[in-house]
Protein backbone atom coordinates (compact mmCIF):
# COMPACT_ATOMS: atom_id res chain seq x y z
CA UNK A 1 0.00 0.00 0.00
CA UNK A 2 2.83 2.40 0.83
CA UNK A 3 4.44 1.71 -2.54
CA UNK A 4 1.17 2.46 -4.33
CA UNK A 5 0.76 5.80 -2.54
CA UNK A 6 4.42 6.71 -3.17
CA UNK A 7 4.09 5.84 -6.86
CA UNK A 8 0.96 7.97 -7.19
CA UNK A 9 2.72 10.96 -5.60
CA UNK A 10 5.65 10.58 -7.99
CA UNK A 11 3.45 10.26 -11.09
CA UNK A 12 1.26 13.24 -10.17
CA UNK A 13 4.34 15.25 -9.18
CA UNK A 14 5.95 14.78 -12.59
CA UNK A 15 2.73 15.66 -14.40
CA UNK A 16 2.25 18.70 -12.19
CA UNK A 17 5.28 20.52 -13.62
CA UNK A 18 3.71 20.96 -17.04
CA UNK A 19 0.96 23.55 -17.42
CA UNK A 20 -1.29 24.29 -20.38
CA UNK A 21 -3.54 26.97 -21.85
CA UNK A 22 -6.76 25.56 -23.32
CA UNK A 23 -7.15 28.18 -26.11
CA UNK A 24 -4.43 30.70 -26.87
CA UNK A 25 -4.37 33.03 -29.91
CA UNK A 26 -0.90 33.93 -31.21
CA UNK A 27 -0.70 37.74 -31.08
CA UNK A 28 2.93 38.32 -32.05
CA UNK A 29 5.89 36.30 -33.14
CA UNK A 30 9.49 37.19 -33.81
CA UNK A 31 13.00 35.93 -33.68
CA UNK A 32 13.37 34.31 -30.27
CA UNK A 33 9.90 35.02 -28.84
CA UNK A 34 6.22 34.16 -29.16
CA UNK A 35 3.29 35.92 -27.48
CA UNK A 36 -0.26 34.69 -27.10
CA UNK A 37 -3.42 35.69 -25.24
CA UNK A 38 -5.66 33.19 -23.46
CA UNK A 39 -9.20 33.29 -24.81
CA UNK A 40 -10.58 32.17 -21.41
CA UNK A 41 -8.78 34.55 -19.04
CA UNK A 42 -7.51 37.30 -21.35
CA UNK A 43 -3.99 37.02 -19.89
CA UNK A 44 -0.94 37.50 -22.11
CA UNK A 45 1.79 34.86 -22.14
CA UNK A 46 5.37 35.35 -23.37
CA UNK A 47 7.49 32.39 -24.52
CA UNK A 48 11.22 32.80 -25.11
CA UNK A 49 12.37 29.18 -25.16
CA UNK A 50 11.20 25.88 -26.60
CA UNK A 51 9.28 25.23 -29.83
CA UNK A 52 8.49 28.86 -30.57
CA UNK A 53 9.01 28.67 -34.34
CA UNK A 54 6.05 26.37 -35.05
CA UNK A 55 2.77 28.16 -34.22
CA UNK A 56 1.40 30.56 -36.84
CA UNK A 57 0.39 34.18 -36.16
CA UNK A 58 -3.36 34.64 -35.61
CA UNK A 59 -4.17 30.95 -35.10
CA UNK A 60 -5.51 29.38 -31.90
CA UNK A 61 -3.61 26.58 -30.17
CA UNK A 62 -3.65 24.52 -27.00
CA UNK A 63 -0.27 25.39 -25.46
CA UNK A 64 1.78 23.19 -23.10
CA UNK A 65 4.53 24.99 -21.20
CA UNK A 66 6.76 25.21 -18.14
CA UNK A 67 7.63 28.20 -16.02
CA UNK A 68 6.27 30.58 -13.45
CA UNK A 69 4.22 33.68 -14.11
CA UNK A 70 3.47 34.88 -17.62
CA UNK A 71 6.85 35.92 -19.04
CA UNK A 72 9.91 34.06 -20.32
CA UNK A 73 8.16 30.69 -20.37
CA UNK A 74 9.35 27.44 -21.98
CA UNK A 75 7.01 26.20 -24.74
CA UNK A 76 6.93 22.38 -24.57
CA UNK A 77 4.34 21.69 -27.24
CA UNK A 78 1.15 22.81 -28.92
CA UNK A 79 -1.95 21.50 -30.71
CA UNK A 80 -3.60 23.44 -33.53
CA UNK A 81 -7.30 24.12 -32.76
CA UNK A 82 -8.55 26.61 -35.37
CA UNK A 83 -7.77 29.83 -37.19
């Protein structure tokens, strides 16, 4: 039983480091940065590391990222939702 509880804490701990934005519209993109605004909360997010070259300007994506706050985040991945 202790091993099961310990394993669950470890699995949920690893998954807890990654955050995501359900719907984020790309508002600006340049060399070394990507900005988007959440369609749910209206907050602006700034990504300076990770897979920032992929998402297209004006499109809406589900964004997976790491970091604290809203600036200088690490973009881990994204899923295209719509334009």
